[in-house]
Amino acid sequence: MKIGVQLWPQATNIKEMRAAWRTADAMSVDSIWTWDHFYPLSGDPEAT
């Protein structure tokens, strides 16, 4: 079995994303996924 994680870039910043990537990497997950949406998919359209 392979384990992956998906991290949502909505309403976060690069510092928090990097910390999450490093945590996932330290857990030896097989893959880390995200997407390239620059605007929120739901919720506050002004969220960054």
Protein backbone atom coordinates (compact mmCIF):
# COMPACT_ATOMS: atom_id res chain seq x y z
CA MET A 1 0.00 0.00 0.00
CA LYS A 2 1.21 3.50 -0.79
CA ILE A 3 0.18 6.54 1.21
CA GLY A 4 -0.08 10.08 -0.14
CA VAL A 5 -1.27 13.39 1.24
CA GLN A 6 -3.09 16.23 -0.47
CA LEU A 7 -2.44 19.74 0.82
CA TRP A 8 -4.84 22.55 0.00
CA PRO A 9 -3.13 25.85 -0.84
CA GLN A 10 -6.31 27.82 -0.07
CA ALA A 11 -6.10 30.35 2.80
CA THR A 12 -2.48 29.53 3.66
CA ASN A 13 0.96 30.85 2.87
CA ILE A 14 4.22 29.38 1.59
CA LYS A 15 5.71 29.12 5.10
CA GLU A 16 2.81 26.94 6.28
CA MET A 17 2.84 24.88 3.07
CA ARG A 18 6.58 24.26 3.40
CA ALA A 19 6.12 23.12 7.01
CA ALA A 20 3.36 20.72 5.92
CA TRP A 21 5.52 19.36 3.06
CA ARG A 22 8.40 18.76 5.44
CA THR A 23 6.15 17.04 7.97
CA ALA A 24 4.73 14.77 5.27
CA ASP A 25 8.24 14.03 3.99
CA ALA A 26 9.41 13.18 7.51
CA MET A 27 6.49 10.71 7.72
CA SER A 28 7.85 9.02 4.57
CA VAL A 29 4.64 9.35 2.58
CA ASP A 30 4.89 8.15 -1.01
CA SER A 31 3.45 11.27 -2.60
CA ILE A 32 2.46 14.84 -1.78
CA TRP A 33 -0.20 16.53 -3.90
CA THR A 34 -1.50 20.07 -4.31
CA TRP A 35 -3.01 22.10 -7.14
CA ASP A 36 -2.42 25.44 -8.77
CA HIS A 37 -5.67 27.32 -8.12
CA PHE A 38 -4.84 30.92 -7.36
CA TYR A 39 -8.33 31.72 -6.05
CA PRO A 40 -10.32 29.85 -3.37
CA LEU A 41 -12.62 27.09 -4.61
CA SER A 42 -15.11 27.86 -1.83
CA GLY A 43 -15.63 30.25 1.04
CA ASP A 44 -14.29 33.79 1.14
CA PRO A 45 -13.21 34.80 -2.38
CA GLU A 46 -10.68 37.20 -0.83
CA ALA A 47 -8.89 34.45 1.12
CA THR A 48 -5.26 34.02 0.20
